[in-house]
C-alpha atoms as a PDB file:
ATOM      1  CA  MET A   1       0.000   0.000   0.000  1.00  0.00           C
ATOM      2  CA  GLU A   2       1.399   3.342  -1.048  1.00  0.00           C
ATOM      3  CA  GLY A   3       0.199   6.923  -1.156  1.00  0.00           C
ATOM      4  CA  GLY A   4       0.439  10.251   0.577  1.00  0.00           C
ATOM      5  CA  ASP A   5      -0.252  10.849   4.236  1.00  0.00           C
ATOM      6  CA  GLY A   6      -3.964  10.589   4.954  1.00  0.00           C
ATOM      7  CA  ALA A   7      -4.712   8.391   1.932  1.00  0.00           C
ATOM      8  CA  GLY A   8      -6.113   5.526   4.020  1.00  0.00           C
ATOM      9  CA  LYS A   9      -3.300   3.021   3.476  1.00  0.00           C
ATOM     10  CA  SER A  10      -3.464   1.518   6.946  1.00  0.00           C
ATOM     11  CA  THR A  11      -7.222   1.056   6.731  1.00  0.00           C
ATOM     12  CA  GLN A  12      -7.004  -0.683   3.360  1.00  0.00           C
ATOM     13  CA  ALA A  13      -4.044  -2.832   4.445  1.00  0.00           C
ATOM     14  CA  GLN A  14      -6.087  -4.037   7.419  1.00  0.00           C
ATOM     15  CA  ARG A  15      -9.164  -4.669   5.288  1.00  0.00           C
ATOM     16  CA  LEU A  16      -7.188  -6.603   2.674  1.00  0.00           C
ATOM     17  CA  ALA A  17      -5.390  -8.743   5.236  1.00  0.00           C
ATOM     18  CA  ALA A  18      -8.657  -9.596   6.983  1.00  0.00           C
ATOM     19  CA  ALA A  19     -10.416 -10.468   3.715  1.00  0.00           C
ATOM     20  CA  LEU A  20      -7.589 -12.751   2.614  1.00  0.00           C
ATOM     21  CA  GLN A  21      -7.503 -14.469   6.011  1.00  0.00           C
ATOM     22  CA  GLU A  22     -11.218 -15.170   5.693  1.00  0.00           C
ATOM     23  CA  THR A  23     -10.429 -17.201   2.555  1.00  0.00           C
ATOM     24  CA  GLY A  24      -8.046 -19.351   4.583  1.00  0.00           C
ATOM     25  CA  ARG A  25      -4.795 -17.731   3.506  1.00  0.00           C
ATOM     26  CA  THR A  26      -1.923 -17.031   5.859  1.00  0.00           C
ATOM     27  CA  VAL A  27      -1.349 -13.282   5.832  1.00  0.00           C
ATOM     28  CA  LEU A  28       1.233 -11.000   7.380  1.00  0.00           C
ATOM     29  CA  ARG A  29       0.288  -7.329   7.692  1.00  0.00           C
ATOM     30  CA  THR A  30       3.239  -5.097   8.428  1.00  0.00           C
ATOM     31  CA  ARG A  31       4.374  -1.503   8.001  1.00  0.00           C
ATOM     32  CA  GLU A  32       7.287   0.740   7.214  1.00  0.00           C
ATOM     33  CA  PRO A  33       9.223   2.254   8.715  1.00  0.00           C
ATOM     34  CA  GLY A  34       9.073  -0.368  11.392  1.00  0.00           C
ATOM     35  CA  GLY A  35       8.083  -4.014  11.317  1.00  0.00           C
ATOM     36  CA  THR A  36      11.036  -5.120  13.466  1.00  0.00           C
ATOM     37  CA  PRO A  37      12.309  -4.014  16.891  1.00  0.00           C
ATOM     38  CA  VAL A  38      15.159  -2.021  15.353  1.00  0.00           C
ATOM     39  CA  GLY A  39      12.817  -0.705  12.666  1.00  0.00           C
ATOM     40  CA  GLU A  40      10.377   0.622  15.252  1.00  0.00           C
ATOM     41  CA  GLN A  41      13.207   2.447  17.021  1.00  0.00           C
ATOM     42  CA  LEU A  42      14.355   3.934  13.719  1.00  0.00           C
ATOM     43  CA  ARG A  43      10.740   4.919  12.981  1.00  0.00           C
ATOM     44  CA  ALA A  44      10.556   6.895  16.211  1.00  0.00           C
ATOM     45  CA  LEU A  45      13.943   8.460  15.542  1.00  0.00           C
ATOM     46  CA  VAL A  46      13.056   9.724  12.077  1.00  0.00           C
ATOM     47  CA  LEU A  47       9.370  10.606  12.509  1.00  0.00           C
ATOM     48  CA  ASP A  48       9.111  11.982  16.046  1.00  0.00           C
ATOM     49  CA  HIS A  49       9.710  15.637  16.700  1.00  0.00           C
ATOM     50  CA  GLY A  50      12.450  16.491  19.193  1.00  0.00           C
ATOM     51  CA  ASN A  51      15.370  14.551  17.696  1.00  0.00           C
ATOM     52  CA  GLY A  52      17.040  17.635  16.278  1.00  0.00           C
ATOM     53  CA  ASP A  53      17.615  18.384  12.638  1.00  0.00           C
ATOM     54  CA  ILE A  54      17.737  15.338  10.384  1.00  0.00           C
ATOM     55  CA  ASP A  55      19.201  16.135   6.980  1.00  0.00           C
ATOM     56  CA  ALA A  56      17.781  14.564   3.844  1.00  0.00           C
ATOM     57  CA  ARG A  57      20.535  11.983   3.313  1.00  0.00           C
ATOM     58  CA  THR A  58      20.437  10.835   6.912  1.00  0.00           C
ATOM     59  CA  GLU A  59      16.672  10.523   6.637  1.00  0.00           C
ATOM     60  CA  ALA A  60      16.971   8.409   3.484  1.00  0.00           C
ATOM     61  CA  LEU A  61      19.579   6.154   5.085  1.00  0.00           C
ATOM     62  CA  ILE A  62      17.478   5.643   8.227  1.00  0.00           C
ATOM     63  CA  PHE A  63      14.496   4.558   6.130  1.00  0.00           C
ATOM     64  CA  ALA A  64      16.711   2.252   4.059  1.00  0.00           C
ATOM     65  CA  ALA A  65      18.241   0.709   7.201  1.00  0.00           C
ATOM     66  CA  SER A  66      14.794   0.044   8.645  1.00  0.00           C
ATOM     67  CA  ARG A  67      13.702  -1.484   5.337  1.00  0.00           C
ATOM     68  CA  ALA A  68      16.783  -3.724   5.103  1.00  0.00           C
ATOM     69  CA  ALA A  69      16.030  -5.218   8.520  1.00  0.00           C
ATOM     70  CA  HIS A  70      12.358  -5.555   7.650  1.00  0.00           C
ATOM     71  CA  VAL A  71      13.024  -7.462   4.435  1.00  0.00           C
ATOM     72  CA  GLN A  72      15.647  -9.777   5.884  1.00  0.00           C
ATOM     73  CA  GLN A  73      14.004 -10.504   9.229  1.00  0.00           C
ATOM     74  CA  VAL A  74      10.293 -10.407   8.373  1.00  0.00           C
ATOM     75  CA  ILE A  75       9.236 -10.220   4.727  1.00  0.00           C
ATOM     76  CA  GLU A  76      11.547 -12.768   3.086  1.00  0.00           C
ATOM     77  CA  PRO A  77      10.967 -15.465   5.751  1.00  0.00           C
ATOM     78  CA  ALA A  78       7.198 -14.936   5.430  1.00  0.00           C
ATOM     79  CA  LEU A  79       7.284 -15.225   1.650  1.00  0.00           C
ATOM     80  CA  ALA A  80       9.415 -18.351   1.888  1.00  0.00           C
ATOM     81  CA  ASN A  81       6.644 -19.931   3.980  1.00  0.00           C
ATOM     82  CA  GLY A  82       3.959 -19.076   1.430  1.00  0.00           C
ATOM     83  CA  THR A  83       2.548 -16.200   3.463  1.00  0.00           C
ATOM     84  CA  VAL A  84       0.855 -13.293   1.691  1.00  0.00           C
ATOM     85  CA  VAL A  85       2.565 -10.080   2.824  1.00  0.00           C
ATOM     86  CA  VAL A  86       0.546  -6.862   2.956  1.00  0.00           C
ATOM     87  CA  CYS A  87       2.875  -3.961   3.665  1.00  0.00           C
ATOM     88  CA  ASP A  88       1.862  -0.404   4.538  1.00  0.00           C
ATOM     89  CA  ARG A  89       4.571   1.547   2.604  1.00  0.00           C
ATOM     90  CA  TYR A  90       7.695   0.190   0.927  1.00  0.00           C
ATOM     91  CA  VAL A  91      10.419   1.413  -1.463  1.00  0.00           C
ATOM     92  CA  ASP A  92       8.140   3.749  -3.442  1.00  0.00           C
ATOM     93  CA  SER A  93       7.656   5.882  -0.337  1.00  0.00           C
ATOM     94  CA  SER A  94      11.378   6.556  -0.055  1.00  0.00           C
ATOM     95  CA  ILE A  95      11.624   7.323  -3.763  1.00  0.00           C
ATOM     96  CA  ALA A  96       8.734   9.792  -3.436  1.00  0.00           C
ATOM     97  CA  TYR A  97       9.516  11.362  -0.065  1.00  0.00           C
ATOM     98  CA  GLN A  98      13.305  11.494  -0.073  1.00  0.00           C
ATOM     99  CA  GLY A  99      13.974  11.257  -3.806  1.00  0.00           C
ATOM    100  CA  ALA A 100      11.407  13.819  -4.941  1.00  0.00           C
ATOM    101  CA  GLY A 101      10.269  15.589  -1.782  1.00  0.00           C
ATOM    102  CA  ARG A 102      13.776  16.024  -0.341  1.00  0.00           C
ATOM    103  CA  HIS A 103      15.340  16.474  -3.805  1.00  0.00           C
ATOM    104  CA  LEU A 104      17.887  13.669  -3.412  1.00  0.00           C
ATOM    105  CA  GLY A 105      16.991  12.302  -6.847  1.00  0.00           C
ATOM    106  CA  THR A 106      14.650   9.411  -7.456  1.00  0.00           C
ATOM    107  CA  GLU A 107      17.299   7.226  -9.101  1.00  0.00           C
ATOM    108  CA  SER A 108      19.773   7.681  -6.243  1.00  0.00           C
ATOM    109  CA  VAL A 109      17.165   6.698  -3.685  1.00  0.00           C
ATOM    110  CA  ARG A 110      15.959   3.809  -5.866  1.00  0.00           C
ATOM    111  CA  THR A 111      19.517   2.447  -6.109  1.00  0.00           C
ATOM    112  CA  LEU A 112      20.029   2.720  -2.347  1.00  0.00           C
ATOM    113  CA  ASN A 113      16.821   0.817  -1.672  1.00  0.00           C
ATOM    114  CA  GLU A 114      17.477  -1.859  -4.278  1.00  0.00           C
ATOM    115  CA  TRP A 115      20.680  -2.580  -2.370  1.00  0.00           C
ATOM    116  CA  ALA A 116      18.905  -2.468   1.008  1.00  0.00           C
ATOM    117  CA  THR A 117      16.170  -4.889  -0.103  1.00  0.00           C
ATOM    118  CA  GLY A 118      18.248  -7.142  -2.334  1.00  0.00           C
ATOM    119  CA  GLY A 119      15.962  -6.052  -5.174  1.00  0.00           C
ATOM    120  CA  LEU A 120      12.777  -7.484  -3.622  1.00  0.00           C
ATOM    121  CA  GLN A 121       9.718  -5.894  -5.269  1.00  0.00           C
ATOM    122  CA  PRO A 122       5.996  -6.226  -4.560  1.00  0.00           C
ATOM    123  CA  ASP A 123       3.874  -8.267  -6.949  1.00  0.00           C
ATOM    124  CA  LEU A 124       1.386  -5.400  -6.789  1.00  0.00           C
ATOM    125  CA  THR A 125       1.560  -1.848  -5.496  1.00  0.00           C
ATOM    126  CA  VAL A 126      -1.779  -0.297  -4.578  1.00  0.00           C
ATOM    127  CA  LEU A 127      -1.449   3.474  -4.873  1.00  0.00           C
ATOM    128  CA  LEU A 128      -4.143   5.400  -3.017  1.00  0.00           C
ATOM    129  CA  ASP A 129      -4.034   8.817  -4.632  1.00  0.00           C
ATOM    130  CA  VAL A 130      -5.014  11.735  -2.411  1.00  0.00           C
ATOM    131  CA  ASP A 131      -4.887  15.490  -2.876  1.00  0.00           C
ATOM    132  CA  PRO A 132      -2.493  16.950  -0.255  1.00  0.00           C
ATOM    133  CA  GLU A 133      -5.098  19.280   1.250  1.00  0.00           C
ATOM    134  CA  ARG A 134      -7.637  16.471   1.557  1.00  0.00           C
ATOM    135  CA  GLY A 135      -4.973  14.213   3.015  1.00  0.00           C
ATOM    136  CA  ARG A 136      -4.148  16.796   5.672  1.00  0.00           C
ATOM    137  CA  ASP A 137      -7.827  17.151   6.611  1.00  0.00           C
ATOM    138  CA  ARG A 138      -8.197  13.380   6.905  1.00  0.00           C
ATOM    139  CA  ARG A 139      -5.084  12.720   8.959  1.00  0.00           C
ATOM    140  CA  THR A 140      -5.583  15.591  11.405  1.00  0.00           C
ATOM    141  CA  ALA A 141      -9.185  14.660  12.193  1.00  0.00           C
ATOM    142  CA  GLY A 142      -9.027  13.438  15.772  1.00  0.00           C
ATOM    143  CA  GLN A 143      -5.210  13.491  15.794  1.00  0.00           C
ATOM    144  CA  ALA A 144      -3.388  15.782  18.206  1.00  0.00           C
ATOM    145  CA  THR A 145      -0.143  16.236  16.275  1.00  0.00           C
ATOM    146  CA  GLU A 146       1.462  15.358  12.960  1.00  0.00           C
ATOM    147  CA  ASP A 147       4.837  13.625  12.661  1.00  0.00           C
ATOM    148  CA  ARG A 148       7.874  15.248  11.020  1.00  0.00           C
ATOM    149  CA  LEU A 149       6.891  14.323   7.471  1.00  0.00           C
ATOM    150  CA  GLU A 150       3.164  14.834   7.876  1.00  0.00           C
ATOM    151  CA  SER A 151       3.782  18.375   9.112  1.00  0.00           C
ATOM    152  CA  GLU A 152       5.619  19.407   5.939  1.00  0.00           C
ATOM    153  CA  PRO A 153       3.740  21.970   3.786  1.00  0.00           C
ATOM    154  CA  ASP A 154       1.272  20.943   1.095  1.00  0.00           C
ATOM    155  CA  THR A 155       3.819  21.833  -1.619  1.00  0.00           C
ATOM    156  CA  PHE A 156       6.056  19.039  -0.288  1.00  0.00           C
ATOM    157  CA  HIS A 157       3.153  16.590  -0.300  1.00  0.00           C
ATOM    158  CA  GLN A 158       2.226  17.615  -3.842  1.00  0.00           C
ATOM    159  CA  GLN A 159       5.750  16.706  -5.036  1.00  0.00           C
ATOM    160  CA  ILE A 160       5.314  13.327  -3.379  1.00  0.00           C
ATOM    161  CA  ARG A 161       1.936  12.787  -5.005  1.00  0.00           C
ATOM    162  CA  LEU A 162       3.376  13.505  -8.438  1.00  0.00           C
ATOM    163  CA  ALA A 163       6.320  11.155  -7.819  1.00  0.00           C
ATOM    164  CA  PHE A 164       3.964   8.315  -6.883  1.00  0.00           C
ATOM    165  CA  LEU A 165       1.867   8.898 -10.007  1.00  0.00           C
ATOM    166  CA  GLU A 166       4.964   9.018 -12.229  1.00  0.00           C
ATOM    167  CA  ALA A 167       6.147   5.694 -10.817  1.00  0.00           C
ATOM    168  CA  ALA A 168       2.759   4.153 -11.523  1.00  0.00           C
ATOM    169  CA  GLN A 169       2.729   5.487 -15.087  1.00  0.00           C
ATOM    170  CA  ALA A 170       6.178   3.998 -15.693  1.00  0.00           C
ATOM    171  CA  ALA A 171       5.102   0.470 -14.650  1.00  0.00           C
ATOM    172  CA  PRO A 172       1.305   0.252 -15.057  1.00  0.00           C
ATOM    173  CA  ASP A 173       1.175  -3.554 -14.831  1.00  0.00           C
ATOM    174  CA  ARG A 174       2.578  -3.457 -11.296  1.00  0.00           C
ATOM    175  CA  TYR A 175       0.288  -0.735  -9.959  1.00  0.00           C
ATOM    176  CA  LEU A 176      -3.358  -0.338  -9.075  1.00  0.00           C
ATOM    177  CA  VAL A 177      -4.034   3.398  -8.811  1.00  0.00           C
ATOM    178  CA  LEU A 178      -7.209   4.339  -6.971  1.00  0.00           C
ATOM    179  CA  ASP A 179      -8.818   7.600  -5.902  1.00  0.00           C
ATOM    180  CA  ALA A 180      -8.487   7.593  -2.115  1.00  0.00           C
ATOM    181  CA  GLY A 181     -11.687   9.628  -1.882  1.00  0.00           C
ATOM    182  CA  ARG A 182     -13.827   6.667  -2.949  1.00  0.00           C
ATOM    183  CA  PRO A 183     -15.865   4.893  -0.228  1.00  0.00           C
ATOM    184  CA  VAL A 184     -13.794   2.616   2.000  1.00  0.00           C
ATOM    185  CA  ASP A 185     -15.832  -0.502   1.187  1.00  0.00           C
ATOM    186  CA  GLU A 186     -15.650   0.172  -2.547  1.00  0.00           C
ATOM    187  CA  LEU A 187     -11.873   0.575  -2.403  1.00  0.00           C
ATOM    188  CA  ALA A 188     -11.500  -2.592  -0.349  1.00  0.00           C
ATOM    189  CA  GLY A 189     -13.524  -4.604  -2.851  1.00  0.00           C
ATOM    190  CA  THR A 190     -11.547  -3.327  -5.830  1.00  0.00           C
ATOM    191  CA  ILE A 191      -8.238  -4.062  -4.127  1.00  0.00           C
ATOM    192  CA  LEU A 192      -9.274  -7.563  -3.069  1.00  0.00           C
ATOM    193  CA  HIS A 193     -10.474  -8.393  -6.575  1.00  0.00           C
ATOM    194  CA  ARG A 194      -7.132  -7.369  -8.083  1.00  0.00           C
ATOM    195  CA  VAL A 195      -5.052  -9.167  -5.461  1.00  0.00           C
ATOM    196  CA  GLU A 196      -7.028 -12.396  -5.807  1.00  0.00           C
ATOM    197  CA  LYS A 197      -6.089 -12.515  -9.486  1.00  0.00           C
ATOM    198  CA  LEU A 198      -2.418 -12.692  -8.469  1.00  0.00           C
ATOM    199  CA  LEU A 199      -2.806 -15.533  -5.989  1.00  0.00           C
ATOM    200  CA  PRO A 200      -2.732 -19.247  -6.882  1.00  0.00           C
END
């Protein structure tokens, strides 16, 4: 699951995992940054306010380090056991946020993450497309504070949105792009239908 902040990725990841489990499949739902003990500590380090200035390269490396641990310790063992892995964010987020949003260059960040993950790619990337202003309204409803990245201005989030859409246009067979403003149940049904086509 990919998309800007407030797109509803976590909700759809949970809905997809639950629907697949109801069909008798073994499913792992996980998230990035995080997914491992060290990953959760890195998540807090890079997203929480109060850790001082974190420059763009350091930020990109922290996300890549968290992802490397996640792939090696969690995702690859699950896949080896025939488990369906539903991940809330993956490499595309780093390419969009640090590559485009932080102006590090999408190819540089892609290369870093290919090394960190050993080249592991999703069979399908669901991109929930959300307008930055709408995303801000959705994520701040009932939420006291935003994390470091969420609190960036809408211009930053617009760059990220465009980077996600460009990635999807470059590899349309690997992406399912959906308007995040559609009803939750409708989105969940569309996603499940597409994922079921990929499964034996």
